[in-house]
Amino acid sequence: FLILYGFTLAALSAGYWIALILVIPIGGLVLRLFLIQHDCGHGSFFSVRAADDWLGRCLGVVTFTPYDCWRQSHAIHHASTGNLDARGFGDVDTLTVREYFARPRWKRALYRFYRHPLVLFGVAPTYLFLLRHRLPIGLMTAGRKYWVSALATNAAAALIALVLIRAFGLGPFLAVALPAILIAGSAGVWLFYVQHQFEQTSWDQGSDWSFHSSALHGSSHLALPPFLRWLTANIGVHHVHHLVSRIPFYRLPEVIKDMPELGEMNRITAGESWRTFALTLWDESTRQLVTFRAATRQSESMVGAAAVSR
């Protein structure tokens, strides 16, 4: 990452703009660094927690993600995945069919806008990594620790940026830094989306919800080619990760090898992942995610049936 980053900045400052093509692998490596930071947050990268935390904080400067803030919100995500009573923190907002049709028309339009792929994988990563992470949103009253995490990450990133701008110029720096973080952010949001937004995922509420059942059945196994598995630090083995988050990413393939049935469970390929983008609403009657079109057809048929019965 450092070699590619430095070489690209030097090439651009010398006028070789062809070097911009290297921004793509740089963005891929930012994604991998974020996923190493992710394992640090779970205490599964080193055997010493302090080493995990300090590496995570350093990587947070590179990934524009305050480590302590992210670790707390991600812990809440793990503790409440698939729980309809605990939505809205560290996940993709998902409404049930009943909730969607109970909303006024303008709120339904907002939800449709939010769930559009261009918003989820374009606008949302830009907002998340460039703006939202600059403050401890969601944890602003949870203690000084999260303010320190956000502001210290901002200060360290700004200091590094100033040094690089002074050495290579503002144009080359922005031409590398912004696309790299947005490429990593968009890829990261895609991964996170596919990990939980698939047709046969699991959502429950009240006493029906179970941590272990939801972890295993509400998370997918995104089967990727070998290079992409390396680049994404095996995060595609997400059902196993949610079940036992202390397993280091580099040992997750051993679990699949030793328990082949887990390899076939909730399995989605990269090519199949695009089909999940249309799945937007949780249908409690069929217990699966459905499209807006399917939900509308179901609603219209229910209204028609009710009219006939009258």
C-alpha atoms as a PDB file:
ATOM      1  CA  PHE A   1       0.000   0.000   0.000  1.00  0.00           C
ATOM      2  CA  LEU A   2       2.698   2.503   0.983  1.00  0.00           C
ATOM      3  CA  ILE A   3       4.853   1.674  -2.047  1.00  0.00           C
ATOM      4  CA  LEU A   4       1.964   2.041  -4.487  1.00  0.00           C
ATOM      5  CA  TYR A   5       0.700   5.197  -2.784  1.00  0.00           C
ATOM      6  CA  GLY A   6       4.110   6.879  -2.803  1.00  0.00           C
ATOM      7  CA  PHE A   7       4.929   5.824  -6.375  1.00  0.00           C
ATOM      8  CA  THR A   8       1.569   7.104  -7.661  1.00  0.00           C
ATOM      9  CA  LEU A   9       1.941  10.465  -5.897  1.00  0.00           C
ATOM     10  CA  ALA A  10       5.481  10.880  -7.268  1.00  0.00           C
ATOM     11  CA  ALA A  11       4.377   9.953 -10.799  1.00  0.00           C
ATOM     12  CA  LEU A  12       1.438  12.348 -10.744  1.00  0.00           C
ATOM     13  CA  SER A  13       3.506  15.214  -9.379  1.00  0.00           C
ATOM     14  CA  ALA A  14       5.933  14.646 -12.272  1.00  0.00           C
ATOM     15  CA  GLY A  15       3.061  14.869 -14.755  1.00  0.00           C
ATOM     16  CA  TYR A  16       2.531  11.164 -15.474  1.00  0.00           C
ATOM     17  CA  TRP A  17      -1.239  11.082 -15.060  1.00  0.00           C
ATOM     18  CA  ILE A  18      -1.351   7.578 -16.535  1.00  0.00           C
ATOM     19  CA  ALA A  19      -0.386   6.515 -13.001  1.00  0.00           C
ATOM     20  CA  LEU A  20      -3.981   7.198 -11.926  1.00  0.00           C
ATOM     21  CA  ILE A  21      -4.764   3.627 -12.970  1.00  0.00           C
ATOM     22  CA  LEU A  22      -2.914   2.549  -9.807  1.00  0.00           C
ATOM     23  CA  VAL A  23      -5.633   4.177  -7.709  1.00  0.00           C
ATOM     24  CA  ILE A  24      -7.747   1.045  -8.260  1.00  0.00           C
ATOM     25  CA  PRO A  25      -5.340  -1.399  -6.541  1.00  0.00           C
ATOM     26  CA  ILE A  26      -4.632   1.248  -3.897  1.00  0.00           C
ATOM     27  CA  GLY A  27      -8.371   1.346  -3.138  1.00  0.00           C
ATOM     28  CA  GLY A  28      -8.372  -2.456  -2.945  1.00  0.00           C
ATOM     29  CA  LEU A  29      -5.551  -2.388  -0.420  1.00  0.00           C
ATOM     30  CA  VAL A  30      -7.372   0.258   1.653  1.00  0.00           C
ATOM     31  CA  LEU A  31     -10.272  -2.213   1.780  1.00  0.00           C
ATOM     32  CA  ARG A  32      -7.956  -4.977   3.011  1.00  0.00           C
ATOM     33  CA  LEU A  33      -6.480  -2.652   5.641  1.00  0.00           C
ATOM     34  CA  PHE A  34     -10.007  -1.828   6.796  1.00  0.00           C
ATOM     35  CA  LEU A  35     -10.751  -5.531   7.185  1.00  0.00           C
ATOM     36  CA  ILE A  36      -7.581  -6.018   9.226  1.00  0.00           C
ATOM     37  CA  GLN A  37      -8.826  -3.097  11.333  1.00  0.00           C
ATOM     38  CA  HIS A  38     -12.125  -4.988  11.552  1.00  0.00           C
ATOM     39  CA  ASP A  39     -10.379  -8.046  13.018  1.00  0.00           C
ATOM     40  CA  CYS A  40      -8.545  -5.794  15.472  1.00  0.00           C
ATOM     41  CA  GLY A  41     -11.955  -4.542  16.623  1.00  0.00           C
ATOM     42  CA  HIS A  42     -12.964  -8.111  17.404  1.00  0.00           C
ATOM     43  CA  GLY A  43      -9.695  -8.772  19.237  1.00  0.00           C
ATOM     44  CA  SER A  44      -8.835 -11.542  16.788  1.00  0.00           C
ATOM     45  CA  PHE A  45      -5.776 -10.254  14.922  1.00  0.00           C
ATOM     46  CA  PHE A  46      -3.211 -10.387  17.740  1.00  0.00           C
ATOM     47  CA  SER A  47      -3.254 -12.397  20.956  1.00  0.00           C
ATOM     48  CA  VAL A  48      -2.806  -9.157  22.947  1.00  0.00           C
ATOM     49  CA  ARG A  49      -5.810  -6.817  23.029  1.00  0.00           C
ATOM     50  CA  ALA A  50      -3.695  -3.669  23.348  1.00  0.00           C
ATOM     51  CA  ALA A  51      -1.853  -4.564  20.133  1.00  0.00           C
ATOM     52  CA  ASP A  52      -5.193  -5.021  18.362  1.00  0.00           C
ATOM     53  CA  ASP A  53      -6.463  -1.665  19.598  1.00  0.00           C
ATOM     54  CA  TRP A  54      -3.397   0.372  18.690  1.00  0.00           C
ATOM     55  CA  LEU A  55      -3.006  -1.164  15.255  1.00  0.00           C
ATOM     56  CA  GLY A  56      -6.736  -0.569  14.738  1.00  0.00           C
ATOM     57  CA  ARG A  57      -6.368   3.095  15.697  1.00  0.00           C
ATOM     58  CA  CYS A  58      -3.424   3.554  13.312  1.00  0.00           C
ATOM     59  CA  LEU A  59      -5.271   1.856  10.457  1.00  0.00           C
ATOM     60  CA  GLY A  60      -8.299   4.032  11.204  1.00  0.00           C
ATOM     61  CA  VAL A  61      -6.278   7.045  10.048  1.00  0.00           C
ATOM     62  CA  VAL A  62      -5.680   5.378   6.661  1.00  0.00           C
ATOM     63  CA  THR A  63      -9.291   4.178   6.298  1.00  0.00           C
ATOM     64  CA  PHE A  64     -10.848   7.447   7.563  1.00  0.00           C
ATOM     65  CA  THR A  65     -12.678   5.402  10.208  1.00  0.00           C
ATOM     66  CA  PRO A  66     -12.256   6.301  13.915  1.00  0.00           C
ATOM     67  CA  TYR A  67     -11.428   2.931  15.437  1.00  0.00           C
ATOM     68  CA  ASP A  68     -13.041   3.181  18.876  1.00  0.00           C
ATOM     69  CA  CYS A  69     -16.277   4.647  17.470  1.00  0.00           C
ATOM     70  CA  TRP A  70     -16.460   1.999  14.771  1.00  0.00           C
ATOM     71  CA  ARG A  71     -15.638  -0.849  17.184  1.00  0.00           C
ATOM     72  CA  GLN A  72     -18.522   0.117  19.475  1.00  0.00           C
ATOM     73  CA  SER A  73     -21.088   0.509  16.680  1.00  0.00           C
ATOM     74  CA  HIS A  74     -19.922  -2.749  15.090  1.00  0.00           C
ATOM     75  CA  ALA A  75     -20.272  -4.572  18.416  1.00  0.00           C
ATOM     76  CA  ILE A  76     -23.899  -3.372  18.555  1.00  0.00           C
ATOM     77  CA  HIS A  77     -24.393  -4.647  15.008  1.00  0.00           C
ATOM     78  CA  HIS A  78     -23.107  -8.104  15.981  1.00  0.00           C
ATOM     79  CA  ALA A  79     -25.262  -8.179  19.102  1.00  0.00           C
ATOM     80  CA  SER A  80     -28.477  -7.313  17.250  1.00  0.00           C
ATOM     81  CA  THR A  81     -28.187  -8.748  13.729  1.00  0.00           C
ATOM     82  CA  GLY A  82     -31.552  -9.978  12.502  1.00  0.00           C
ATOM     83  CA  ASN A  83     -33.430  -8.482  15.453  1.00  0.00           C
ATOM     84  CA  LEU A  84     -36.429  -6.477  14.191  1.00  0.00           C
ATOM     85  CA  ASP A  85     -36.635  -4.757  17.587  1.00  0.00           C
ATOM     86  CA  ALA A  86     -33.056  -3.461  17.404  1.00  0.00           C
ATOM     87  CA  ARG A  87     -32.630  -2.117  13.885  1.00  0.00           C
ATOM     88  CA  GLY A  88     -30.933   1.106  12.843  1.00  0.00           C
ATOM     89  CA  PHE A  89     -27.431   0.872  14.309  1.00  0.00           C
ATOM     90  CA  GLY A  90     -24.594  -0.295  12.093  1.00  0.00           C
ATOM     91  CA  ASP A  91     -26.795  -1.955   9.490  1.00  0.00           C
ATOM     92  CA  VAL A  92     -28.627  -1.251   6.223  1.00  0.00           C
ATOM     93  CA  ASP A  93     -32.050   0.165   7.110  1.00  0.00           C
ATOM     94  CA  THR A  94     -34.673  -2.468   6.283  1.00  0.00           C
ATOM     95  CA  LEU A  95     -38.445  -2.148   6.628  1.00  0.00           C
ATOM     96  CA  THR A  96     -40.991  -4.933   6.762  1.00  0.00           C
ATOM     97  CA  VAL A  97     -43.704  -5.008   4.081  1.00  0.00           C
ATOM     98  CA  ARG A  98     -46.280  -3.988   6.683  1.00  0.00           C
ATOM     99  CA  GLU A  99     -44.188  -1.048   7.905  1.00  0.00           C
ATOM    100  CA  TYR A 100     -43.554   0.147   4.355  1.00  0.00           C
ATOM    101  CA  PHE A 101     -47.219   0.309   3.349  1.00  0.00           C
ATOM    102  CA  ALA A 102     -48.171   1.893   6.685  1.00  0.00           C
ATOM    103  CA  ARG A 103     -45.940   4.882   5.845  1.00  0.00           C
ATOM    104  CA  PRO A 104     -47.218   7.970   4.009  1.00  0.00           C
ATOM    105  CA  ARG A 105     -46.378   8.165   0.308  1.00  0.00           C
ATOM    106  CA  TRP A 106     -43.497  10.639   0.743  1.00  0.00           C
ATOM    107  CA  LYS A 107     -41.787   8.428   3.330  1.00  0.00           C
ATOM    108  CA  ARG A 108     -42.105   5.441   1.016  1.00  0.00           C
ATOM    109  CA  ALA A 109     -40.466   7.516  -1.726  1.00  0.00           C
ATOM    110  CA  LEU A 110     -37.593   8.392   0.627  1.00  0.00           C
ATOM    111  CA  TYR A 111     -37.096   4.720   1.474  1.00  0.00           C
ATOM    112  CA  ARG A 112     -37.073   3.806  -2.229  1.00  0.00           C
ATOM    113  CA  PHE A 113     -34.460   6.518  -2.825  1.00  0.00           C
ATOM    114  CA  TYR A 114     -32.329   5.266   0.062  1.00  0.00           C
ATOM    115  CA  ARG A 115     -32.450   1.667  -1.191  1.00  0.00           C
ATOM    116  CA  HIS A 116     -31.481   2.542  -4.784  1.00  0.00           C
ATOM    117  CA  PRO A 117     -28.095   0.961  -5.678  1.00  0.00           C
ATOM    118  CA  LEU A 118     -26.642   4.309  -6.826  1.00  0.00           C
ATOM    119  CA  VAL A 119     -27.394   5.750  -3.393  1.00  0.00           C
ATOM    120  CA  LEU A 120     -26.315   2.707  -1.365  1.00  0.00           C
ATOM    121  CA  PHE A 121     -23.054   2.106  -3.214  1.00  0.00           C
ATOM    122  CA  GLY A 122     -22.265   5.633  -4.413  1.00  0.00           C
ATOM    123  CA  VAL A 123     -23.733   8.397  -2.263  1.00  0.00           C
ATOM    124  CA  ALA A 124     -23.724   6.459   1.021  1.00  0.00           C
ATOM    125  CA  PRO A 125     -19.984   5.536   1.048  1.00  0.00           C
ATOM    126  CA  THR A 126     -19.077   9.150   0.188  1.00  0.00           C
ATOM    127  CA  TYR A 127     -21.184  10.443   3.067  1.00  0.00           C
ATOM    128  CA  LEU A 128     -20.060   7.710   5.460  1.00  0.00           C
ATOM    129  CA  PHE A 129     -16.289   7.928   5.025  1.00  0.00           C
ATOM    130  CA  LEU A 130     -15.841  11.623   4.210  1.00  0.00           C
ATOM    131  CA  LEU A 131     -18.487  13.202   6.466  1.00  0.00           C
ATOM    132  CA  ARG A 132     -20.192  10.941   9.016  1.00  0.00           C
ATOM    133  CA  HIS A 133     -16.985   9.473  10.435  1.00  0.00           C
ATOM    134  CA  ARG A 134     -15.639  12.927  11.213  1.00  0.00           C
ATOM    135  CA  LEU A 135     -17.859  13.017  14.319  1.00  0.00           C
ATOM    136  CA  PRO A 136     -18.951  10.213  16.697  1.00  0.00           C
ATOM    137  CA  ILE A 137     -22.470  10.133  15.239  1.00  0.00           C
ATOM    138  CA  GLY A 138     -24.673   7.853  17.326  1.00  0.00           C
ATOM    139  CA  LEU A 139     -22.201   7.959  20.221  1.00  0.00           C
ATOM    140  CA  MET A 140     -22.026  11.701  20.827  1.00  0.00           C
ATOM    141  CA  THR A 141     -23.365  11.390  24.378  1.00  0.00           C
ATOM    142  CA  ALA A 142     -21.761   8.011  25.113  1.00  0.00           C
ATOM    143  CA  GLY A 143     -18.561   9.402  26.584  1.00  0.00           C
ATOM    144  CA  ARG A 144     -15.409  11.392  25.880  1.00  0.00           C
ATOM    145  CA  LYS A 145     -13.627   8.313  24.495  1.00  0.00           C
ATOM    146  CA  TYR A 146     -15.555   8.455  21.225  1.00  0.00           C
ATOM    147  CA  TRP A 147     -14.959  12.164  20.715  1.00  0.00           C
ATOM    148  CA  VAL A 148     -11.239  11.582  21.283  1.00  0.00           C
ATOM    149  CA  SER A 149     -11.299   8.723  18.775  1.00  0.00           C
ATOM    150  CA  ALA A 150     -13.003  10.786  16.052  1.00  0.00           C
ATOM    151  CA  LEU A 151     -11.072  14.007  16.556  1.00  0.00           C
ATOM    152  CA  ALA A 152      -7.671  12.314  16.984  1.00  0.00           C
ATOM    153  CA  THR A 153      -8.262  10.337  13.772  1.00  0.00           C
ATOM    154  CA  ASN A 154      -9.190  13.577  11.986  1.00  0.00           C
ATOM    155  CA  ALA A 155      -6.085  15.351  13.293  1.00  0.00           C
ATOM    156  CA  ALA A 156      -3.715  12.525  12.339  1.00  0.00           C
ATOM    157  CA  ALA A 157      -5.243  12.222   8.861  1.00  0.00           C
ATOM    158  CA  ALA A 158      -5.022  16.004   8.370  1.00  0.00           C
ATOM    159  CA  LEU A 159      -1.370  16.046   9.445  1.00  0.00           C
ATOM    160  CA  ILE A 160      -0.443  13.270   7.020  1.00  0.00           C
ATOM    161  CA  ALA A 161      -2.414  15.018   4.272  1.00  0.00           C
ATOM    162  CA  LEU A 162      -0.537  18.283   4.860  1.00  0.00           C
ATOM    163  CA  VAL A 163       2.825  16.518   4.662  1.00  0.00           C
ATOM    164  CA  LEU A 164       1.870  14.763   1.408  1.00  0.00           C
ATOM    165  CA  ILE A 165       0.420  17.942  -0.111  1.00  0.00           C
ATOM    166  CA  ARG A 166       3.610  19.826   0.721  1.00  0.00           C
ATOM    167  CA  ALA A 167       5.731  17.067  -0.821  1.00  0.00           C
ATOM    168  CA  PHE A 168       3.681  16.262  -3.938  1.00  0.00           C
ATOM    169  CA  GLY A 169       1.091  19.025  -4.378  1.00  0.00           C
ATOM    170  CA  LEU A 170      -2.633  19.340  -3.700  1.00  0.00           C
ATOM    171  CA  GLY A 171      -3.755  17.994  -7.092  1.00  0.00           C
ATOM    172  CA  PRO A 172      -1.845  14.692  -6.969  1.00  0.00           C
ATOM    173  CA  PHE A 173      -2.858  14.134  -3.341  1.00  0.00           C
ATOM    174  CA  LEU A 174      -6.579  14.627  -4.005  1.00  0.00           C
ATOM    175  CA  ALA A 175      -6.353  12.543  -7.204  1.00  0.00           C
ATOM    176  CA  VAL A 176      -5.119   9.566  -5.154  1.00  0.00           C
ATOM    177  CA  ALA A 177      -6.672   9.994  -1.707  1.00  0.00           C
ATOM    178  CA  LEU A 178     -10.296  10.657  -2.650  1.00  0.00           C
ATOM    179  CA  PRO A 179     -10.802   7.935  -5.315  1.00  0.00           C
ATOM    180  CA  ALA A 180      -8.927   5.351  -3.205  1.00  0.00           C
ATOM    181  CA  ILE A 181     -11.108   5.850  -0.138  1.00  0.00           C
ATOM    182  CA  LEU A 182     -14.294   5.918  -2.237  1.00  0.00           C
ATOM    183  CA  ILE A 183     -13.345   2.745  -4.132  1.00  0.00           C
ATOM    184  CA  ALA A 184     -12.678   1.018  -0.811  1.00  0.00           C
ATOM    185  CA  GLY A 185     -15.863   2.474   0.687  1.00  0.00           C
ATOM    186  CA  SER A 186     -18.109   1.377  -2.176  1.00  0.00           C
ATOM    187  CA  ALA A 187     -16.608  -2.121  -2.173  1.00  0.00           C
ATOM    188  CA  GLY A 188     -16.962  -2.295   1.597  1.00  0.00           C
ATOM    189  CA  VAL A 189     -20.623  -1.259   1.526  1.00  0.00           C
ATOM    190  CA  TRP A 190     -21.258  -3.844  -1.219  1.00  0.00           C
ATOM    191  CA  LEU A 191     -19.693  -6.537   0.953  1.00  0.00           C
ATOM    192  CA  PHE A 192     -21.666  -5.460   4.002  1.00  0.00           C
ATOM    193  CA  TYR A 193     -24.898  -5.354   2.007  1.00  0.00           C
ATOM    194  CA  VAL A 194     -24.548  -8.831   0.502  1.00  0.00           C
ATOM    195  CA  GLN A 195     -23.568 -10.271   3.887  1.00  0.00           C
ATOM    196  CA  HIS A 196     -27.054  -9.652   5.304  1.00  0.00           C
ATOM    197  CA  GLN A 197     -29.371  -8.627   2.450  1.00  0.00           C
ATOM    198  CA  PHE A 198     -30.160 -11.857   0.645  1.00  0.00           C
ATOM    199  CA  GLU A 199     -33.451 -13.609  -0.042  1.00  0.00           C
ATOM    200  CA  GLN A 200     -33.326 -16.336   2.611  1.00  0.00           C
ATOM    201  CA  THR A 201     -31.831 -14.202   5.384  1.00  0.00           C
ATOM    202  CA  SER A 202     -33.387 -14.251   8.862  1.00  0.00           C
ATOM    203  CA  TRP A 203     -35.222 -11.574  10.859  1.00  0.00           C
ATOM    204  CA  ASP A 204     -37.187 -12.112  14.075  1.00  0.00           C
ATOM    205  CA  GLN A 205     -38.431 -10.132  17.036  1.00  0.00           C
ATOM    206  CA  GLY A 206     -39.147 -10.558  20.697  1.00  0.00           C
ATOM    207  CA  SER A 207     -38.566 -14.015  22.132  1.00  0.00           C
ATOM    208  CA  ASP A 208     -38.388 -15.510  18.622  1.00  0.00           C
ATOM    209  CA  TRP A 209     -35.019 -13.854  18.057  1.00  0.00           C
ATOM    210  CA  SER A 210     -31.895 -15.859  18.909  1.00  0.00           C
ATOM    211  CA  PHE A 211     -28.324 -14.581  18.638  1.00  0.00           C
ATOM    212  CA  HIS A 212     -26.837 -17.859  17.405  1.00  0.00           C
ATOM    213  CA  SER A 213     -29.651 -18.694  14.995  1.00  0.00           C
ATOM    214  CA  SER A 214     -29.664 -15.194  13.547  1.00  0.00           C
ATOM    215  CA  ALA A 215     -25.865 -15.153  13.208  1.00  0.00           C
ATOM    216  CA  LEU A 216     -25.850 -18.410  11.290  1.00  0.00           C
ATOM    217  CA  HIS A 217     -29.005 -17.988   9.196  1.00  0.00           C
ATOM    218  CA  GLY A 218     -29.012 -14.194   8.824  1.00  0.00           C
ATOM    219  CA  SER A 219     -25.503 -13.903   7.357  1.00  0.00           C
ATOM    220  CA  SER A 220     -24.388 -15.106   3.957  1.00  0.00           C
ATOM    221  CA  HIS A 221     -21.379 -17.006   2.634  1.00  0.00           C
ATOM    222  CA  LEU A 222     -20.115 -14.853  -0.235  1.00  0.00           C
ATOM    223  CA  ALA A 223     -17.979 -17.274  -2.269  1.00  0.00           C
ATOM    224  CA  LEU A 224     -15.286 -15.247  -4.042  1.00  0.00           C
ATOM    225  CA  PRO A 225     -12.329 -16.156  -6.300  1.00  0.00           C
ATOM    226  CA  PRO A 226      -9.008 -16.708  -4.420  1.00  0.00           C
ATOM    227  CA  PHE A 227      -7.551 -13.233  -5.064  1.00  0.00           C
ATOM    228  CA  LEU A 228     -10.743 -11.492  -3.925  1.00  0.00           C
ATOM    229  CA  ARG A 229     -10.867 -13.724  -0.843  1.00  0.00           C
ATOM    230  CA  TRP A 230      -7.366 -12.468  -0.001  1.00  0.00           C
ATOM    231  CA  LEU A 231      -8.240  -8.844  -0.749  1.00  0.00           C
ATOM    232  CA  THR A 232     -11.379  -9.005   1.399  1.00  0.00           C
ATOM    233  CA  ALA A 233      -9.700 -10.978   4.206  1.00  0.00           C
ATOM    234  CA  ASN A 234     -12.210 -13.850   3.938  1.00  0.00           C
ATOM    235  CA  ILE A 235     -15.014 -11.613   5.222  1.00  0.00           C
ATOM    236  CA  GLY A 236     -17.310 -13.441   2.797  1.00  0.00           C
ATOM    237  CA  VAL A 237     -17.396 -16.354   5.276  1.00  0.00           C
ATOM    238  CA  HIS A 238     -19.704 -14.098   7.185  1.00  0.00           C
ATOM    239  CA  HIS A 239     -22.076 -16.596   8.777  1.00  0.00           C
ATOM    240  CA  VAL A 240     -19.135 -18.241  10.565  1.00  0.00           C
ATOM    241  CA  HIS A 241     -17.704 -14.839  11.486  1.00  0.00           C
ATOM    242  CA  HIS A 242     -20.985 -13.753  13.084  1.00  0.00           C
ATOM    243  CA  LEU A 243     -21.289 -17.042  14.932  1.00  0.00           C
ATOM    244  CA  VAL A 244     -17.760 -16.841  16.425  1.00  0.00           C
ATOM    245  CA  SER A 245     -16.221 -13.426  15.765  1.00  0.00           C
ATOM    246  CA  ARG A 246     -12.968 -14.263  17.589  1.00  0.00           C
ATOM    247  CA  ILE A 247     -11.872 -16.578  14.763  1.00  0.00           C
ATOM    248  CA  PRO A 248      -9.119 -14.679  12.881  1.00  0.00           C
ATOM    249  CA  PHE A 249      -9.868 -13.990   9.215  1.00  0.00           C
ATOM    250  CA  TYR A 250      -6.890 -16.090   8.114  1.00  0.00           C
ATOM    251  CA  ARG A 251      -8.383 -19.195   9.790  1.00  0.00           C
ATOM    252  CA  LEU A 252     -11.939 -18.915   8.468  1.00  0.00           C
ATOM    253  CA  PRO A 253     -11.141 -21.085   5.391  1.00  0.00           C
ATOM    254  CA  GLU A 254     -10.137 -23.887   7.786  1.00  0.00           C
ATOM    255  CA  VAL A 255     -13.654 -23.846   9.256  1.00  0.00           C
ATOM    256  CA  ILE A 256     -15.206 -24.245   5.793  1.00  0.00           C
ATOM    257  CA  LYS A 257     -12.744 -27.030   4.982  1.00  0.00           C
ATOM    258  CA  ASP A 258     -13.436 -28.904   8.221  1.00  0.00           C
ATOM    259  CA  MET A 259     -17.225 -28.388   8.021  1.00  0.00           C
ATOM    260  CA  PRO A 260     -18.188 -28.519   4.319  1.00  0.00           C
ATOM    261  CA  GLU A 261     -21.886 -28.099   5.109  1.00  0.00           C
ATOM    262  CA  LEU A 262     -21.124 -24.534   6.206  1.00  0.00           C
ATOM    263  CA  GLY A 263     -19.532 -23.901   2.818  1.00  0.00           C
ATOM    264  CA  GLU A 264     -22.868 -24.523   1.080  1.00  0.00           C
ATOM    265  CA  MET A 265     -25.005 -22.682   3.625  1.00  0.00           C
ATOM    266  CA  ASN A 266     -26.358 -19.282   2.458  1.00  0.00           C
ATOM    267  CA  ARG A 267     -23.873 -19.450  -0.434  1.00  0.00           C
ATOM    268  CA  ILE A 268     -23.855 -16.539  -2.884  1.00  0.00           C
ATOM    269  CA  THR A 269     -21.316 -15.941  -5.663  1.00  0.00           C
ATOM    270  CA  ALA A 270     -20.113 -12.508  -6.749  1.00  0.00           C
ATOM    271  CA  GLY A 271     -22.185 -12.840  -9.926  1.00  0.00           C
ATOM    272  CA  GLU A 272     -25.307 -13.734  -7.987  1.00  0.00           C
ATOM    273  CA  SER A 273     -24.820 -10.866  -5.531  1.00  0.00           C
ATOM    274  CA  TRP A 274     -26.202  -8.312  -8.001  1.00  0.00           C
ATOM    275  CA  ARG A 275     -29.641  -9.942  -7.762  1.00  0.00           C
ATOM    276  CA  THR A 276     -29.828  -9.031  -4.092  1.00  0.00           C
ATOM    277  CA  PHE A 277     -29.874  -5.306  -4.897  1.00  0.00           C
ATOM    278  CA  ALA A 278     -33.576  -5.484  -5.769  1.00  0.00           C
ATOM    279  CA  LEU A 279     -34.485  -7.113  -2.437  1.00  0.00           C
ATOM    280  CA  THR A 280     -35.714  -4.282  -0.245  1.00  0.00           C
ATOM    281  CA  LEU A 281     -38.444  -5.369   2.181  1.00  0.00           C
ATOM    282  CA  TRP A 282     -38.771  -8.138   4.759  1.00  0.00           C
ATOM    283  CA  ASP A 283     -41.943 -10.140   4.212  1.00  0.00           C
ATOM    284  CA  GLU A 284     -42.919 -11.564   7.606  1.00  0.00           C
ATOM    285  CA  SER A 285     -45.499 -13.922   6.053  1.00  0.00           C
ATOM    286  CA  THR A 286     -43.038 -15.692   3.712  1.00  0.00           C
ATOM    287  CA  ARG A 287     -39.972 -15.009   5.873  1.00  0.00           C
ATOM    288  CA  GLN A 288     -37.816 -13.702   3.072  1.00  0.00           C
ATOM    289  CA  LEU A 289     -36.652 -10.437   1.540  1.00  0.00           C
ATOM    290  CA  VAL A 290     -38.764  -9.353  -1.418  1.00  0.00           C
ATOM    291  CA  THR A 291     -38.694  -6.632  -4.073  1.00  0.00           C
ATOM    292  CA  PHE A 292     -40.860  -3.515  -4.086  1.00  0.00           C
ATOM    293  CA  ARG A 293     -42.709  -4.984  -7.068  1.00  0.00           C
ATOM    294  CA  ALA A 294     -43.471  -8.272  -5.329  1.00  0.00           C
ATOM    295  CA  ALA A 295     -44.610  -6.469  -2.179  1.00  0.00           C
ATOM    296  CA  THR A 296     -46.875  -4.173  -4.214  1.00  0.00           C
ATOM    297  CA  ARG A 297     -48.432  -7.106  -6.071  1.00  0.00           C
ATOM    298  CA  GLN A 298     -49.054  -8.868  -2.762  1.00  0.00           C
ATOM    299  CA  SER A 299     -50.638  -5.733  -1.270  1.00  0.00           C
ATOM    300  CA  GLU A 300     -52.870  -5.191  -4.309  1.00  0.00           C
ATOM    301  CA  SER A 301     -54.033  -8.802  -4.279  1.00  0.00           C
ATOM    302  CA  MET A 302     -54.885  -8.556  -0.576  1.00  0.00           C
ATOM    303  CA  VAL A 303     -56.847  -5.346  -1.175  1.00  0.00           C
ATOM    304  CA  GLY A 304     -58.667  -7.010  -4.092  1.00  0.00           C
ATOM    305  CA  ALA A 305     -59.492 -10.076  -2.018  1.00  0.00           C
ATOM    306  CA  ALA A 306     -60.812  -7.886   0.785  1.00  0.00           C
ATOM    307  CA  ALA A 307     -63.013  -5.951  -1.697  1.00  0.00           C
ATOM    308  CA  VAL A 308     -64.450  -9.179  -3.127  1.00  0.00           C
ATOM    309  CA  SER A 309     -65.250 -10.531   0.347  1.00  0.00           C
ATOM    310  CA  ARG A 310     -67.194  -7.341   1.104  1.00  0.00           C
END
